[in-house]
């Protein structure tokens, strides 16, 4: 729960610190500018709020790791929801409006998370999780998108180290094997999810089942 707050606060602070011209730069998400990614974070905030007030009585069916599923199709940016996000982002016109909306809805999502009972069962996407597991799953979401946000902004603030480490651990659990110890957490996350290709040396460090399973496309 605390790591959710730290990861989310760091990501929102990074957005707040962007210059207007940064919003038209490419992000680490295929087909999305930074402004599109920030608009997606607004939608994510809404999802957190909706899920935390959608209780379930059944036993949990998923946890923070099994919440994620692996697909074989890398995002191309032409999914209907992705396309809607791009249109919504363009409608803001001024970056300040997008910043304001993320701060407004994102702060509310953070407060709701802080008030949530970790043992509360909630429903989302035909899954039942505890609120604690649901929010833990979002540590991965916030951390990967923080990396996406700063992919072409080398001077921007980076994700918290503990969020990077936790996300790496979750991704390794999803992959069923650890990434090479020589890879930094950021490199492991970028390579492991296909956000960049490994160098020759990084590829040579891969062995065992990982060599044939990366990248992991999460949905």
Protein backbone atom coordinates (compact mmCIF):
# COMPACT_ATOMS: atom_id res chain seq x y z
CA UNK A 1 0.00 0.00 0.00
CA UNK A 2 2.82 2.44 0.89
CA UNK A 3 4.67 1.57 -2.30
CA UNK A 4 1.56 2.37 -4.33
CA UNK A 5 1.53 5.84 -2.80
CA UNK A 6 5.25 6.46 -3.34
CA UNK A 7 5.16 5.26 -6.93
CA UNK A 8 2.01 7.21 -7.75
CA UNK A 9 3.18 10.39 -6.05
CA UNK A 10 6.51 10.24 -7.90
CA UNK A 11 4.80 9.77 -11.26
CA UNK A 12 2.38 12.64 -10.68
CA UNK A 13 5.23 14.87 -9.54
CA UNK A 14 7.16 14.01 -12.72
CA UNK A 15 4.17 15.04 -14.83
CA UNK A 16 3.76 18.26 -12.83
CA UNK A 17 7.38 19.12 -13.57
CA UNK A 18 7.09 18.81 -17.35
CA UNK A 19 7.48 21.84 -19.57
CA UNK A 20 4.70 22.51 -22.07
CA UNK A 21 6.90 21.45 -24.98
CA UNK A 22 7.51 18.06 -23.34
CA UNK A 23 3.88 17.08 -23.94
CA UNK A 24 4.45 16.85 -27.68
CA UNK A 25 7.51 14.62 -27.38
CA UNK A 26 7.20 10.87 -27.97
CA UNK A 27 6.67 8.64 -24.96
CA UNK A 28 7.83 5.09 -24.42
CA UNK A 29 4.38 3.81 -25.42
CA UNK A 30 4.17 2.93 -29.12
CA UNK A 31 2.17 5.54 -31.02
CA UNK A 32 1.67 7.85 -28.03
CA UNK A 33 3.03 11.28 -27.28
CA UNK A 34 3.66 12.28 -23.67
CA UNK A 35 0.29 14.04 -23.60
CA UNK A 36 -1.44 10.80 -24.65
CA UNK A 37 0.28 8.91 -21.85
CA UNK A 38 -0.73 11.55 -19.30
CA UNK A 39 -4.33 11.31 -20.51
CA UNK A 40 -4.10 7.55 -20.02
CA UNK A 41 -2.99 8.18 -16.43
CA UNK A 42 -6.17 10.20 -15.88
CA UNK A 43 -8.17 7.19 -17.07
CA UNK A 44 -6.08 4.92 -14.82
CA UNK A 45 -6.94 7.19 -11.88
CA UNK A 46 -10.61 6.78 -12.66
CA UNK A 47 -10.18 3.01 -12.82
CA UNK A 48 -8.61 3.00 -9.35
CA UNK A 49 -11.48 5.05 -7.94
CA UNK A 50 -14.11 2.86 -9.58
CA UNK A 51 -12.50 -0.40 -8.47
CA UNK A 52 -12.05 0.65 -4.86
CA UNK A 53 -15.80 1.33 -4.58
CA UNK A 54 -16.80 -1.90 -6.35
CA UNK A 55 -16.77 -4.48 -3.53
CA UNK A 56 -17.07 -8.22 -4.06
CA UNK A 57 -18.14 -11.01 -1.73
CA UNK A 58 -16.43 -13.91 -3.52
CA UNK A 59 -13.02 -15.29 -2.70
CA UNK A 60 -10.19 -13.58 -4.59
CA UNK A 61 -9.49 -15.09 -8.00
CA UNK A 62 -6.27 -13.15 -8.69
CA UNK A 63 -3.41 -11.47 -6.87
CA UNK A 64 -0.99 -8.64 -7.72
CA UNK A 65 0.94 -10.83 -10.18
CA UNK A 66 -1.86 -12.88 -11.77
CA UNK A 67 -3.78 -9.66 -12.34
CA UNK A 68 -1.52 -9.26 -15.38
CA UNK A 69 -1.80 -11.46 -18.43
CA UNK A 70 0.75 -11.87 -21.18
CA UNK A 71 -0.25 -11.42 -24.81
CA UNK A 72 1.59 -12.19 -28.02
CA UNK A 73 0.72 -8.92 -29.73
CA UNK A 74 2.81 -5.81 -29.03
CA UNK A 75 0.72 -2.62 -28.91
CA UNK A 76 0.57 -0.81 -32.23
CA UNK A 77 -1.27 2.28 -31.01
CA UNK A 78 -4.34 1.53 -33.16
CA UNK A 79 -6.51 -0.18 -30.54
CA UNK A 80 -9.91 1.64 -30.35
CA UNK A 81 -9.36 2.61 -26.71
CA UNK A 82 -5.83 3.76 -27.48
CA UNK A 83 -7.17 5.84 -30.35
CA UNK A 84 -9.81 7.36 -28.06
CA UNK A 85 -7.10 8.28 -25.56
CA UNK A 86 -5.20 10.14 -28.29
CA UNK A 87 -8.31 12.10 -29.27
CA UNK A 88 -9.09 12.95 -25.65
CA UNK A 89 -5.53 14.11 -25.05
CA UNK A 90 -5.65 16.40 -28.09
CA UNK A 91 -8.94 17.90 -26.87
CA UNK A 92 -7.20 19.36 -23.81
CA UNK A 93 -5.26 21.70 -26.14
CA UNK A 94 -3.29 23.25 -23.26
CA UNK A 95 -0.92 21.07 -21.19
CA UNK A 96 -1.92 22.99 -18.05
CA UNK A 97 -5.47 21.63 -18.33
CA UNK A 98 -4.20 18.07 -18.62
CA UNK A 99 -1.88 18.60 -15.65
CA UNK A 100 -4.78 19.99 -13.62
CA UNK A 101 -7.07 17.06 -14.41
CA UNK A 102 -4.41 14.51 -13.52
CA UNK A 103 -3.66 16.31 -10.26
CA UNK A 104 -7.37 16.52 -9.42
CA UNK A 105 -8.40 12.94 -10.22
CA UNK A 106 -5.01 11.45 -9.41
CA UNK A 107 -4.96 13.00 -5.94
CA UNK A 108 -8.43 11.59 -5.29
CA UNK A 109 -7.25 8.12 -6.35
CA UNK A 110 -4.32 8.44 -3.96
CA UNK A 111 -6.60 9.44 -1.07
CA UNK A 112 -8.98 6.58 -1.83
CA UNK A 113 -6.08 4.14 -1.83
CA UNK A 114 -4.84 5.46 1.51
CA UNK A 115 -8.30 4.97 3.04
CA UNK A 116 -8.87 1.49 1.59
CA UNK A 117 -8.84 -1.61 3.79
CA UNK A 118 -6.13 -3.85 2.29
CA UNK A 119 -8.30 -6.90 2.94
CA UNK A 120 -11.36 -5.50 1.17
CA UNK A 121 -12.33 -7.63 -1.83
CA UNK A 122 -12.88 -5.62 -4.99
CA UNK A 123 -13.94 -6.47 -8.52
CA UNK A 124 -12.40 -5.31 -11.78
CA UNK A 125 -12.32 -6.80 -15.30
CA UNK A 126 -14.12 -9.96 -14.18
CA UNK A 127 -11.49 -10.51 -11.46
CA UNK A 128 -11.77 -10.40 -7.69
CA UNK A 129 -8.74 -9.23 -5.70
CA UNK A 130 -8.07 -7.80 -2.30
CA UNK A 131 -7.62 -4.04 -2.39
CA UNK A 132 -4.05 -4.58 -1.22
CA UNK A 133 -3.25 -6.86 -4.15
CA UNK A 134 -5.02 -4.57 -6.60
CA UNK A 135 -3.00 -1.56 -5.47
CA UNK A 136 0.19 -3.62 -5.48
CA UNK A 137 -0.50 -4.54 -9.11
CA UNK A 138 -0.63 -0.84 -9.87
CA UNK A 139 2.92 -0.38 -8.62
CA UNK A 140 3.91 -2.15 -11.84
CA UNK A 141 1.58 0.09 -13.87
CA UNK A 142 2.90 3.31 -12.35
CA UNK A 143 6.54 2.27 -12.60
CA UNK A 144 6.42 1.16 -16.23
CA UNK A 145 4.52 4.28 -17.23
CA UNK A 146 6.96 6.45 -15.32
CA UNK A 147 9.69 4.94 -17.49
CA UNK A 148 7.51 5.58 -20.54
CA UNK A 149 7.00 9.20 -19.51
CA UNK A 150 10.72 9.92 -19.30
CA UNK A 151 11.85 7.73 -22.22
CA UNK A 152 12.85 10.82 -24.24
CA UNK A 153 13.24 13.22 -21.32
CA UNK A 154 16.65 12.35 -19.85
CA UNK A 155 16.55 15.16 -17.29
CA UNK A 156 13.20 14.13 -15.77
CA UNK A 157 12.88 12.54 -12.32
CA UNK A 158 13.13 8.76 -12.32
CA UNK A 159 10.83 6.23 -10.58
CA UNK A 160 11.57 5.36 -6.94
CA UNK A 161 14.21 2.65 -6.59
CA UNK A 162 11.94 0.51 -4.43
CA UNK A 163 9.20 0.67 -7.09
CA UNK A 164 11.66 -0.41 -9.77
CA UNK A 165 12.83 -3.33 -7.61
CA UNK A 166 9.29 -4.45 -6.80
CA UNK A 167 8.20 -4.21 -10.43
CA UNK A 168 11.22 -6.22 -11.51
CA UNK A 169 10.34 -8.91 -8.94
CA UNK A 170 6.75 -9.06 -10.21
CA UNK A 171 7.87 -9.23 -13.83
CA UNK A 172 10.30 -12.03 -12.99
CA UNK A 173 7.46 -13.92 -11.31
CA UNK A 174 5.33 -13.45 -14.41
CA UNK A 175 8.23 -14.62 -16.58
CA UNK A 176 8.93 -17.59 -14.33
CA UNK A 177 12.66 -16.82 -14.13
CA UNK A 178 14.98 -14.05 -12.92
CA UNK A 179 16.52 -11.56 -15.31
CA UNK A 180 20.32 -11.49 -15.58
CA UNK A 181 21.88 -9.97 -12.48
CA UNK A 182 23.99 -7.74 -14.73
CA UNK A 183 20.87 -5.91 -15.89
CA UNK A 184 19.84 -2.88 -13.89
CA UNK A 185 16.21 -2.73 -12.77
CA UNK A 186 15.39 -0.13 -15.42
CA UNK A 187 17.06 -2.17 -18.17
CA UNK A 188 15.30 -5.34 -17.01
CA UNK A 189 11.92 -3.62 -17.18
CA UNK A 190 12.52 -1.97 -20.54
CA UNK A 191 13.94 -5.10 -22.17
CA UNK A 192 11.59 -7.49 -20.39
CA UNK A 193 8.50 -5.68 -21.67
CA UNK A 194 9.82 -4.93 -25.14
CA UNK A 195 10.28 -1.23 -24.55
CA UNK A 196 13.75 -1.56 -26.05
CA UNK A 197 15.77 -4.31 -27.66
CA UNK A 198 18.70 -5.81 -25.73
CA UNK A 199 22.24 -5.03 -26.79
CA UNK A 200 24.45 -7.88 -27.94
CA UNK A 201 25.99 -8.17 -24.49
CA UNK A 202 22.58 -8.11 -22.82
CA UNK A 203 21.27 -10.76 -25.18
CA UNK A 204 24.31 -12.93 -24.47
CA UNK A 205 23.50 -12.78 -20.75
CA UNK A 206 20.11 -14.37 -21.38
CA UNK A 207 19.85 -18.09 -20.86
CA UNK A 208 17.28 -20.70 -19.92
CA UNK A 209 13.57 -20.12 -20.46
CA UNK A 210 13.86 -16.34 -20.67
CA UNK A 211 15.77 -16.49 -23.93
CA UNK A 212 12.67 -17.66 -25.78
CA UNK A 213 9.94 -15.83 -23.87
CA UNK A 214 10.96 -12.17 -23.91
CA UNK A 215 9.55 -9.67 -24.41
CA UNK A 216 6.51 -9.99 -22.16
CA UNK A 217 3.61 -7.93 -23.52
CA UNK A 218 1.37 -7.20 -20.54
CA UNK A 219 -2.32 -6.50 -20.73
